[in-house]
Every structure is written in structure tokens, then in C-alpha cells.
N, C-alpha and C. Protein backbone atom coordinates (compact mmCIF):
# COMPACT_ATOMS: atom_id res chain seq x y z
N MET A 1 -7.84 10.71 -12.93
CA MET A 1 -7.53 10.89 -11.52
C MET A 1 -8.84 11.08 -10.75
N THR A 2 -8.94 10.34 -9.66
CA THR A 2 -10.15 10.41 -8.85
C THR A 2 -9.81 10.84 -7.44
N ILE A 3 -10.84 10.96 -6.63
CA ILE A 3 -10.69 11.36 -5.24
C ILE A 3 -9.97 10.29 -4.42
N ASN A 4 -9.89 9.06 -4.96
CA ASN A 4 -9.18 7.97 -4.29
C ASN A 4 -7.78 7.74 -4.84
N SER A 5 -7.32 8.60 -5.74
CA SER A 5 -5.98 8.47 -6.31
C SER A 5 -4.92 8.60 -5.22
N PRO A 6 -3.80 7.89 -5.37
CA PRO A 6 -2.75 7.99 -4.36
C PRO A 6 -2.04 9.34 -4.40
N VAL A 7 -1.70 9.84 -3.21
CA VAL A 7 -0.98 11.10 -3.06
C VAL A 7 0.23 10.83 -2.17
N LEU A 8 1.39 11.29 -2.60
CA LEU A 8 2.61 11.15 -1.81
C LEU A 8 2.64 12.22 -0.73
N VAL A 9 2.87 11.80 0.52
CA VAL A 9 2.94 12.74 1.65
C VAL A 9 4.41 12.88 2.06
N LEU A 10 4.88 14.13 2.06
CA LEU A 10 6.25 14.43 2.46
C LEU A 10 6.26 15.11 3.81
N ASN A 11 7.30 14.87 4.59
CA ASN A 11 7.48 15.59 5.84
C ASN A 11 7.92 17.01 5.48
N ALA A 12 8.01 17.89 6.46
CA ALA A 12 8.43 19.27 6.21
C ALA A 12 9.84 19.31 5.63
N SER A 13 10.62 18.25 5.88
CA SER A 13 12.00 18.15 5.37
C SER A 13 12.07 17.53 3.98
N TYR A 14 10.94 17.36 3.32
CA TYR A 14 10.81 16.74 2.00
C TYR A 14 11.10 15.24 2.00
N GLU A 15 11.14 14.62 3.16
CA GLU A 15 11.33 13.18 3.27
C GLU A 15 9.99 12.49 3.04
N PRO A 16 9.92 11.46 2.17
CA PRO A 16 8.66 10.74 1.97
C PRO A 16 8.23 10.06 3.26
N VAL A 17 6.97 10.27 3.63
CA VAL A 17 6.44 9.70 4.87
C VAL A 17 5.46 8.58 4.58
N SER A 18 4.52 8.83 3.67
CA SER A 18 3.50 7.82 3.39
C SER A 18 2.78 8.15 2.09
N ILE A 19 1.81 7.32 1.78
CA ILE A 19 0.91 7.53 0.65
C ILE A 19 -0.49 7.52 1.22
N CYS A 20 -1.30 8.49 0.81
CA CYS A 20 -2.69 8.52 1.27
C CYS A 20 -3.59 8.75 0.06
N ALA A 21 -4.88 8.63 0.27
CA ALA A 21 -5.85 8.89 -0.79
C ALA A 21 -5.99 10.40 -0.97
N ALA A 22 -6.35 10.82 -2.16
CA ALA A 22 -6.50 12.25 -2.45
C ALA A 22 -7.53 12.89 -1.52
N ARG A 23 -8.54 12.14 -1.13
CA ARG A 23 -9.55 12.66 -0.20
C ARG A 23 -8.91 13.10 1.11
N ARG A 24 -8.02 12.25 1.66
CA ARG A 24 -7.32 12.58 2.91
C ARG A 24 -6.36 13.76 2.70
N ALA A 25 -5.69 13.78 1.57
CA ALA A 25 -4.78 14.88 1.27
C ALA A 25 -5.53 16.21 1.20
N LEU A 26 -6.71 16.19 0.58
CA LEU A 26 -7.51 17.42 0.50
C LEU A 26 -7.91 17.90 1.89
N THR A 27 -8.23 16.96 2.78
CA THR A 27 -8.57 17.32 4.16
C THR A 27 -7.38 18.01 4.83
N LEU A 28 -6.19 17.47 4.66
CA LEU A 28 -4.99 18.08 5.25
C LEU A 28 -4.73 19.47 4.67
N LEU A 29 -4.98 19.63 3.38
CA LEU A 29 -4.79 20.94 2.74
C LEU A 29 -5.78 21.97 3.27
N VAL A 30 -7.04 21.59 3.35
CA VAL A 30 -8.08 22.52 3.81
C VAL A 30 -7.87 22.91 5.28
N LYS A 31 -7.38 21.96 6.09
CA LYS A 31 -7.12 22.25 7.50
C LYS A 31 -5.86 23.11 7.69
N GLY A 32 -5.07 23.26 6.64
CA GLY A 32 -3.85 24.04 6.74
C GLY A 32 -2.67 23.29 7.33
N VAL A 33 -2.77 21.97 7.38
CA VAL A 33 -1.70 21.13 7.94
C VAL A 33 -0.62 20.88 6.88
N ALA A 34 -0.99 20.95 5.61
CA ALA A 34 -0.06 20.64 4.53
C ALA A 34 -0.25 21.64 3.39
N ARG A 35 0.68 21.60 2.47
CA ARG A 35 0.59 22.43 1.26
C ARG A 35 0.87 21.57 0.05
N THR A 36 0.38 21.98 -1.09
CA THR A 36 0.55 21.22 -2.32
C THR A 36 1.92 21.50 -2.92
N GLU A 37 2.63 20.44 -3.25
CA GLU A 37 3.92 20.56 -3.94
C GLU A 37 3.75 20.29 -5.43
N GLU A 38 2.93 19.28 -5.76
CA GLU A 38 2.64 18.92 -7.15
C GLU A 38 1.15 18.61 -7.24
N SER A 39 0.55 18.96 -8.37
CA SER A 39 -0.88 18.67 -8.52
C SER A 39 -1.18 18.21 -9.94
N HIS A 40 -2.37 17.63 -10.08
CA HIS A 40 -2.87 17.21 -11.39
C HIS A 40 -3.63 18.38 -11.99
N ASP A 41 -4.08 18.21 -13.22
CA ASP A 41 -4.80 19.29 -13.91
C ASP A 41 -6.27 19.36 -13.54
N ARG A 42 -6.75 18.48 -12.69
CA ARG A 42 -8.16 18.44 -12.35
C ARG A 42 -8.50 19.46 -11.25
N LEU A 43 -9.36 20.41 -11.57
CA LEU A 43 -9.79 21.42 -10.61
C LEU A 43 -10.84 20.82 -9.69
N ILE A 44 -10.65 20.96 -8.38
CA ILE A 44 -11.59 20.43 -7.41
C ILE A 44 -12.59 21.51 -7.00
N TRP A 45 -12.05 22.67 -6.62
CA TRP A 45 -12.91 23.76 -6.17
C TRP A 45 -12.12 25.05 -6.23
N ARG A 46 -12.68 26.08 -6.85
CA ARG A 46 -12.03 27.38 -7.04
C ARG A 46 -10.60 27.22 -7.53
N ASP A 47 -9.61 27.49 -6.68
CA ASP A 47 -8.21 27.37 -7.11
C ASP A 47 -7.52 26.14 -6.51
N LEU A 48 -8.31 25.15 -6.06
CA LEU A 48 -7.78 23.94 -5.45
C LEU A 48 -7.79 22.80 -6.48
N TYR A 49 -6.59 22.34 -6.83
CA TYR A 49 -6.45 21.24 -7.79
C TYR A 49 -6.21 19.93 -7.06
N LEU A 50 -6.52 18.83 -7.72
CA LEU A 50 -6.29 17.50 -7.14
C LEU A 50 -4.79 17.31 -6.92
N PRO A 51 -4.38 17.10 -5.66
CA PRO A 51 -2.94 17.01 -5.39
C PRO A 51 -2.33 15.68 -5.82
N SER A 52 -1.04 15.73 -6.13
CA SER A 52 -0.28 14.54 -6.44
C SER A 52 0.78 14.32 -5.34
N VAL A 53 1.36 15.44 -4.87
CA VAL A 53 2.36 15.42 -3.79
C VAL A 53 2.03 16.56 -2.84
N ILE A 54 1.95 16.25 -1.53
CA ILE A 54 1.75 17.28 -0.53
C ILE A 54 2.90 17.22 0.48
N ARG A 55 3.14 18.37 1.13
CA ARG A 55 4.20 18.44 2.14
C ARG A 55 3.61 18.99 3.42
N LEU A 56 3.89 18.33 4.54
CA LEU A 56 3.40 18.79 5.84
C LEU A 56 4.08 20.10 6.20
N ASN A 57 3.35 21.02 6.82
CA ASN A 57 3.91 22.32 7.19
C ASN A 57 4.89 22.22 8.35
N ARG A 58 4.64 21.30 9.27
CA ARG A 58 5.52 21.11 10.42
C ARG A 58 6.14 19.73 10.35
N TYR A 59 7.37 19.63 10.83
CA TYR A 59 8.06 18.35 10.85
C TYR A 59 7.38 17.41 11.83
N ARG A 60 7.10 16.19 11.39
CA ARG A 60 6.51 15.17 12.24
C ARG A 60 7.52 14.04 12.41
N LYS A 61 7.80 13.69 13.67
CA LYS A 61 8.70 12.57 13.93
C LYS A 61 7.97 11.29 13.54
N VAL A 62 8.58 10.53 12.65
CA VAL A 62 7.98 9.29 12.19
C VAL A 62 8.44 8.18 13.12
N PRO A 63 7.53 7.57 13.87
CA PRO A 63 7.94 6.53 14.81
C PRO A 63 8.43 5.28 14.07
N GLN A 64 9.46 4.67 14.63
CA GLN A 64 9.99 3.44 14.07
C GLN A 64 9.29 2.27 14.74
N CYS A 65 8.04 2.07 14.38
CA CYS A 65 7.28 1.00 15.01
C CYS A 65 7.05 -0.13 14.02
N ARG A 66 6.70 -1.25 14.55
CA ARG A 66 6.41 -2.41 13.72
C ARG A 66 4.97 -2.28 13.20
N HIS A 67 4.81 -2.42 11.92
CA HIS A 67 3.49 -2.32 11.31
C HIS A 67 2.64 -3.54 11.67
N GLU A 68 1.35 -3.31 11.85
CA GLU A 68 0.44 -4.42 12.13
C GLU A 68 0.09 -5.15 10.84
N ALA A 69 -0.14 -6.43 10.96
CA ALA A 69 -0.54 -7.24 9.82
C ALA A 69 -2.05 -7.14 9.66
N THR A 70 -2.51 -6.14 8.94
CA THR A 70 -3.94 -5.96 8.67
C THR A 70 -4.23 -6.39 7.23
N ARG A 71 -5.50 -6.52 6.93
CA ARG A 71 -5.92 -6.87 5.57
C ARG A 71 -5.33 -5.90 4.55
N ARG A 72 -5.47 -4.62 4.83
CA ARG A 72 -4.97 -3.59 3.92
C ARG A 72 -3.45 -3.64 3.77
N SER A 73 -2.74 -3.83 4.90
CA SER A 73 -1.28 -3.83 4.83
C SER A 73 -0.76 -5.07 4.09
N ILE A 74 -1.43 -6.20 4.24
CA ILE A 74 -1.02 -7.41 3.51
C ILE A 74 -1.24 -7.20 2.01
N PHE A 75 -2.39 -6.65 1.63
CA PHE A 75 -2.66 -6.39 0.22
C PHE A 75 -1.64 -5.39 -0.34
N THR A 76 -1.30 -4.38 0.43
CA THR A 76 -0.31 -3.39 -0.02
C THR A 76 1.05 -4.05 -0.19
N ARG A 77 1.47 -4.84 0.79
CA ARG A 77 2.75 -5.53 0.70
C ARG A 77 2.81 -6.41 -0.55
N ASP A 78 1.72 -7.12 -0.83
CA ASP A 78 1.67 -8.02 -1.97
C ASP A 78 1.25 -7.31 -3.26
N GLN A 79 1.10 -6.00 -3.19
CA GLN A 79 0.76 -5.14 -4.33
C GLN A 79 -0.51 -5.59 -5.05
N TYR A 80 -1.51 -5.99 -4.25
CA TYR A 80 -2.84 -6.38 -4.75
C TYR A 80 -2.74 -7.50 -5.80
N THR A 81 -1.75 -8.37 -5.62
CA THR A 81 -1.51 -9.48 -6.53
C THR A 81 -1.74 -10.79 -5.81
N CYS A 82 -2.51 -11.68 -6.43
CA CYS A 82 -2.70 -13.02 -5.87
C CYS A 82 -1.34 -13.71 -5.85
N GLN A 83 -0.96 -14.22 -4.71
CA GLN A 83 0.35 -14.82 -4.56
C GLN A 83 0.43 -16.24 -5.12
N TYR A 84 -0.67 -16.72 -5.69
CA TYR A 84 -0.67 -18.05 -6.31
C TYR A 84 -0.76 -17.96 -7.83
N CYS A 85 -1.67 -17.14 -8.36
CA CYS A 85 -1.83 -17.08 -9.82
C CYS A 85 -1.20 -15.83 -10.44
N ALA A 86 -0.69 -14.91 -9.63
CA ALA A 86 0.03 -13.71 -10.07
C ALA A 86 -0.84 -12.68 -10.79
N GLU A 87 -2.16 -12.78 -10.65
CA GLU A 87 -3.04 -11.76 -11.25
C GLU A 87 -3.28 -10.63 -10.26
N ILE A 88 -3.43 -9.41 -10.79
CA ILE A 88 -3.70 -8.24 -9.95
C ILE A 88 -5.21 -8.05 -9.87
N PHE A 89 -5.70 -7.78 -8.65
CA PHE A 89 -7.14 -7.63 -8.40
C PHE A 89 -7.40 -6.39 -7.56
N PRO A 90 -8.62 -5.84 -7.65
CA PRO A 90 -9.01 -4.80 -6.67
C PRO A 90 -9.18 -5.47 -5.31
N SER A 91 -9.08 -4.69 -4.25
CA SER A 91 -9.13 -5.26 -2.90
C SER A 91 -10.42 -6.02 -2.63
N ALA A 92 -11.53 -5.62 -3.26
CA ALA A 92 -12.80 -6.30 -3.03
C ALA A 92 -12.79 -7.74 -3.58
N LYS A 93 -11.91 -8.03 -4.52
CA LYS A 93 -11.83 -9.37 -5.12
C LYS A 93 -10.75 -10.24 -4.48
N LEU A 94 -10.01 -9.70 -3.51
CA LEU A 94 -8.95 -10.45 -2.86
C LEU A 94 -9.38 -10.97 -1.49
N THR A 95 -8.77 -12.07 -1.07
CA THR A 95 -8.98 -12.61 0.26
C THR A 95 -7.62 -12.79 0.92
N LEU A 96 -7.63 -12.97 2.22
CA LEU A 96 -6.41 -13.30 2.93
C LEU A 96 -6.32 -14.82 3.03
N ASP A 97 -5.15 -15.35 2.74
CA ASP A 97 -4.95 -16.79 2.85
C ASP A 97 -3.87 -17.06 3.89
N HIS A 98 -4.10 -18.04 4.72
CA HIS A 98 -3.10 -18.48 5.69
C HIS A 98 -2.23 -19.54 5.01
N VAL A 99 -0.94 -19.28 4.91
CA VAL A 99 -0.02 -20.23 4.29
C VAL A 99 -0.09 -21.56 5.04
N LEU A 100 0.08 -21.52 6.35
CA LEU A 100 -0.17 -22.68 7.20
C LEU A 100 -1.59 -22.48 7.73
N PRO A 101 -2.56 -23.31 7.35
CA PRO A 101 -3.96 -23.08 7.73
C PRO A 101 -4.14 -22.93 9.24
N LYS A 102 -5.14 -22.12 9.60
CA LYS A 102 -5.44 -21.89 11.01
C LYS A 102 -5.77 -23.19 11.73
N SER A 103 -6.40 -24.13 11.02
CA SER A 103 -6.77 -25.41 11.63
C SER A 103 -5.54 -26.22 12.03
N ARG A 104 -4.37 -25.87 11.47
CA ARG A 104 -3.13 -26.57 11.80
C ARG A 104 -2.21 -25.71 12.66
N GLY A 105 -2.77 -24.68 13.25
CA GLY A 105 -1.99 -23.82 14.14
C GLY A 105 -1.40 -22.59 13.49
N GLY A 106 -1.79 -22.29 12.26
CA GLY A 106 -1.29 -21.09 11.59
C GLY A 106 -1.81 -19.83 12.25
N ARG A 107 -0.94 -18.85 12.39
CA ARG A 107 -1.30 -17.61 13.08
C ARG A 107 -1.57 -16.48 12.10
N ASP A 108 -2.18 -15.41 12.61
CA ASP A 108 -2.40 -14.20 11.82
C ASP A 108 -1.15 -13.34 11.93
N SER A 109 -0.14 -13.66 11.15
CA SER A 109 1.12 -12.93 11.20
C SER A 109 1.58 -12.59 9.79
N TRP A 110 2.54 -11.67 9.71
CA TRP A 110 3.09 -11.26 8.42
C TRP A 110 3.61 -12.46 7.64
N GLU A 111 4.26 -13.39 8.35
CA GLU A 111 4.90 -14.52 7.68
C GLU A 111 3.91 -15.60 7.26
N ASN A 112 2.66 -15.52 7.73
CA ASN A 112 1.69 -16.58 7.43
C ASN A 112 0.51 -16.10 6.59
N LEU A 113 0.40 -14.81 6.33
CA LEU A 113 -0.73 -14.28 5.56
C LEU A 113 -0.27 -13.78 4.19
N VAL A 114 -1.05 -14.11 3.17
CA VAL A 114 -0.78 -13.62 1.81
C VAL A 114 -2.09 -13.22 1.15
N ALA A 115 -1.99 -12.35 0.14
CA ALA A 115 -3.15 -11.99 -0.67
C ALA A 115 -3.43 -13.12 -1.65
N SER A 116 -4.71 -13.44 -1.80
CA SER A 116 -5.10 -14.52 -2.69
C SER A 116 -6.47 -14.21 -3.30
N CYS A 117 -6.64 -14.56 -4.56
CA CYS A 117 -7.98 -14.42 -5.15
C CYS A 117 -8.85 -15.55 -4.59
N ALA A 118 -10.15 -15.36 -4.64
CA ALA A 118 -11.07 -16.36 -4.09
C ALA A 118 -10.92 -17.74 -4.74
N PRO A 119 -10.82 -17.84 -6.07
CA PRO A 119 -10.67 -19.18 -6.66
C PRO A 119 -9.40 -19.91 -6.19
N CYS A 120 -8.29 -19.20 -6.09
CA CYS A 120 -7.05 -19.84 -5.61
C CYS A 120 -7.16 -20.23 -4.15
N ASN A 121 -7.81 -19.38 -3.36
CA ASN A 121 -7.97 -19.67 -1.93
C ASN A 121 -8.83 -20.93 -1.75
N ARG A 122 -9.90 -21.06 -2.55
CA ARG A 122 -10.74 -22.26 -2.48
C ARG A 122 -9.98 -23.50 -2.95
N ARG A 123 -9.19 -23.34 -4.01
CA ARG A 123 -8.45 -24.48 -4.55
C ARG A 123 -7.39 -24.97 -3.55
N LYS A 124 -6.74 -24.05 -2.87
CA LYS A 124 -5.73 -24.44 -1.87
C LYS A 124 -6.41 -25.08 -0.66
N ALA A 125 -7.56 -24.57 -0.31
CA ALA A 125 -8.38 -25.10 0.79
C ALA A 125 -7.60 -25.17 2.10
N ASP A 126 -7.73 -26.29 2.79
CA ASP A 126 -7.14 -26.45 4.12
C ASP A 126 -5.80 -27.20 4.03
N ARG A 127 -4.98 -26.79 3.05
CA ARG A 127 -3.70 -27.46 2.85
C ARG A 127 -2.58 -26.42 2.79
N THR A 128 -1.37 -26.86 2.88
CA THR A 128 -0.22 -25.97 2.70
C THR A 128 -0.01 -25.80 1.19
N PRO A 129 0.74 -24.76 0.77
CA PRO A 129 1.00 -24.61 -0.66
C PRO A 129 1.66 -25.85 -1.29
N GLU A 130 2.54 -26.50 -0.54
CA GLU A 130 3.22 -27.69 -1.07
C GLU A 130 2.23 -28.83 -1.28
N GLU A 131 1.34 -29.03 -0.32
CA GLU A 131 0.35 -30.11 -0.42
C GLU A 131 -0.63 -29.88 -1.57
N SER A 132 -0.94 -28.63 -1.84
CA SER A 132 -1.91 -28.31 -2.89
C SER A 132 -1.24 -28.16 -4.26
N GLY A 133 0.09 -28.16 -4.29
CA GLY A 133 0.80 -27.99 -5.55
C GLY A 133 0.77 -26.56 -6.06
N MET A 134 0.56 -25.62 -5.17
CA MET A 134 0.48 -24.21 -5.55
C MET A 134 1.63 -23.46 -4.87
N GLY A 135 2.59 -23.03 -5.66
CA GLY A 135 3.73 -22.31 -5.11
C GLY A 135 3.41 -20.83 -4.90
N LEU A 136 4.06 -20.24 -3.91
CA LEU A 136 3.92 -18.81 -3.65
C LEU A 136 4.83 -18.01 -4.57
N LEU A 137 4.38 -16.82 -4.98
CA LEU A 137 5.23 -15.95 -5.80
C LEU A 137 6.48 -15.52 -5.04
N LYS A 138 6.29 -15.17 -3.76
CA LYS A 138 7.42 -14.77 -2.93
C LYS A 138 7.15 -15.15 -1.48
N VAL A 139 8.19 -15.28 -0.72
CA VAL A 139 8.07 -15.63 0.69
C VAL A 139 7.50 -14.43 1.44
N PRO A 140 6.42 -14.61 2.20
CA PRO A 140 5.84 -13.47 2.92
C PRO A 140 6.75 -13.01 4.06
N ARG A 141 6.99 -11.69 4.11
CA ARG A 141 7.85 -11.09 5.13
C ARG A 141 7.14 -9.88 5.75
N PRO A 142 7.56 -9.48 6.95
CA PRO A 142 6.96 -8.30 7.57
C PRO A 142 7.30 -7.02 6.81
N MET A 143 6.46 -6.01 6.94
CA MET A 143 6.73 -4.70 6.35
C MET A 143 7.78 -4.01 7.21
N THR A 144 8.75 -3.39 6.56
CA THR A 144 9.76 -2.60 7.25
C THR A 144 9.83 -1.24 6.58
N LEU A 145 10.69 -0.38 7.09
CA LEU A 145 10.89 0.93 6.48
C LEU A 145 11.35 0.77 5.03
N HIS A 146 12.19 -0.22 4.77
CA HIS A 146 12.72 -0.43 3.43
C HIS A 146 11.63 -0.91 2.46
N THR A 147 10.76 -1.82 2.90
CA THR A 147 9.69 -2.28 2.01
C THR A 147 8.67 -1.17 1.77
N THR A 148 8.45 -0.32 2.79
CA THR A 148 7.54 0.81 2.61
C THR A 148 8.08 1.77 1.56
N ARG A 149 9.37 2.07 1.64
CA ARG A 149 9.99 2.96 0.64
C ARG A 149 9.96 2.32 -0.75
N HIS A 150 10.17 1.01 -0.80
CA HIS A 150 10.11 0.31 -2.09
C HIS A 150 8.72 0.44 -2.71
N LEU A 151 7.68 0.29 -1.88
CA LEU A 151 6.31 0.44 -2.38
C LEU A 151 6.05 1.85 -2.87
N MET A 152 6.57 2.85 -2.15
CA MET A 152 6.41 4.23 -2.60
C MET A 152 7.07 4.43 -3.95
N ARG A 153 8.25 3.84 -4.14
CA ARG A 153 8.94 3.95 -5.43
C ARG A 153 8.15 3.28 -6.54
N SER A 154 7.52 2.14 -6.24
CA SER A 154 6.75 1.45 -7.28
C SER A 154 5.53 2.28 -7.67
N PHE A 155 4.89 2.94 -6.69
CA PHE A 155 3.80 3.86 -7.02
C PHE A 155 4.34 5.05 -7.80
N GLY A 156 5.53 5.50 -7.44
CA GLY A 156 6.15 6.64 -8.09
C GLY A 156 6.45 6.43 -9.54
N SER A 157 6.65 5.17 -9.93
CA SER A 157 6.90 4.90 -11.34
C SER A 157 5.64 5.17 -12.18
N GLN A 158 4.46 5.17 -11.54
CA GLN A 158 3.21 5.45 -12.24
C GLN A 158 2.97 6.95 -12.38
N ASP A 159 3.47 7.75 -11.43
CA ASP A 159 3.27 9.19 -11.45
C ASP A 159 4.63 9.88 -11.52
N PRO A 160 5.00 10.43 -12.67
CA PRO A 160 6.34 11.03 -12.82
C PRO A 160 6.59 12.22 -11.89
N LYS A 161 5.54 12.81 -11.34
CA LYS A 161 5.71 13.95 -10.42
C LYS A 161 6.32 13.52 -9.09
N TRP A 162 6.24 12.24 -8.78
CA TRP A 162 6.78 11.73 -7.52
C TRP A 162 8.27 11.46 -7.58
N ARG A 163 8.80 11.26 -8.78
CA ARG A 163 10.17 10.77 -8.94
C ARG A 163 11.21 11.61 -8.20
N LYS A 164 11.13 12.90 -8.28
CA LYS A 164 12.17 13.73 -7.65
C LYS A 164 12.14 13.69 -6.12
N TYR A 165 11.06 13.19 -5.55
CA TYR A 165 10.94 13.11 -4.09
C TYR A 165 11.30 11.73 -3.54
N LEU A 166 11.42 10.74 -4.39
CA LEU A 166 11.62 9.36 -3.93
C LEU A 166 13.05 8.84 -4.10
N TYR A 167 13.97 9.65 -4.54
CA TYR A 167 15.39 9.31 -4.58
C TYR A 167 15.66 8.02 -5.34
N PHE A 168 15.30 7.99 -6.60
CA PHE A 168 15.50 6.78 -7.41
C PHE A 168 16.94 6.47 -7.59
């Protein structure tokens, strides 16, 4: 477990809100905004252990807004997997690929952007997946509350301490 390990963030009502890095979770704990519900065995400082699950002290209304299609959100949606060769990569090894190339009017939208490794992106070049003979693993869709919860559950399968908070 490292300072960049994922931490489940719960609202004061124990409802899952998001996932953040342990570094951010530690900041929330030190500021007194949250408290630790579950932690790892790694001691950070004095009696502060690396958190696995934190809960906000006050209830925060979670806005029902549409998520922006950013590099990070596309990689998260695609679970850091190249949508052409199905290999998992760290974010530094992934690129964004336009399903319909920008030169042909493709936009920067949820439905047109996918995670791709550099070799697959070069091989596809300025063509559509059909023209290049490279099929997509799944049809790209916008992030919603349901896909966000699904991603939290998939992370939760890696950390058994999250299971009781994610309503499997």
C-alpha cells in the first residue's frame, strides 16, 4: 500500500461518494473533515495509519451533474485498459483515441473518446475502427451515477474492507 492507493470516501450517512488517493484522504483526516472507518496496517505517523475507508464528518449533498470527459475520467471509465488490444496499462502508457478521427469531424466527447495504448493508436491512425480492422472492446458511453458505483464495486473487489460499504 502506498500514498497513492485508492481510498473509499463515504458521506456522513455511510453512502459511497467517491474514491480518492490516500494522500488526499490523509489531508481530509488531518484537517478534521473526515474520520477513518477502515485502515491498513501501515503506520504513517504516530497513531495515524494508512486509510482504506474514510467517512466525512458532515453530510455533503452530492450534485447530480454530468461528468466532464477528461483524460483521467476516460481512463477510469475504461479501467486503464486499451480498448483495442485489451491490455491494462498505467496512465502514463495510455493515450486518448478518437473513435471518429478529429480530421473527420470527431468531437472530444464521451461517445468518441477511448483509452488506447500508443501502438494501437498509431496502428489505427486516421481511420475509424472498422476501416482499420480494429474492433472496440465496448461501446463508449458517458459516465453516470450507475457507472461510477460500478467502478467503486470493481475497486472494492480488490480491497475486502470496502465490501460492506458498497452494497454488493
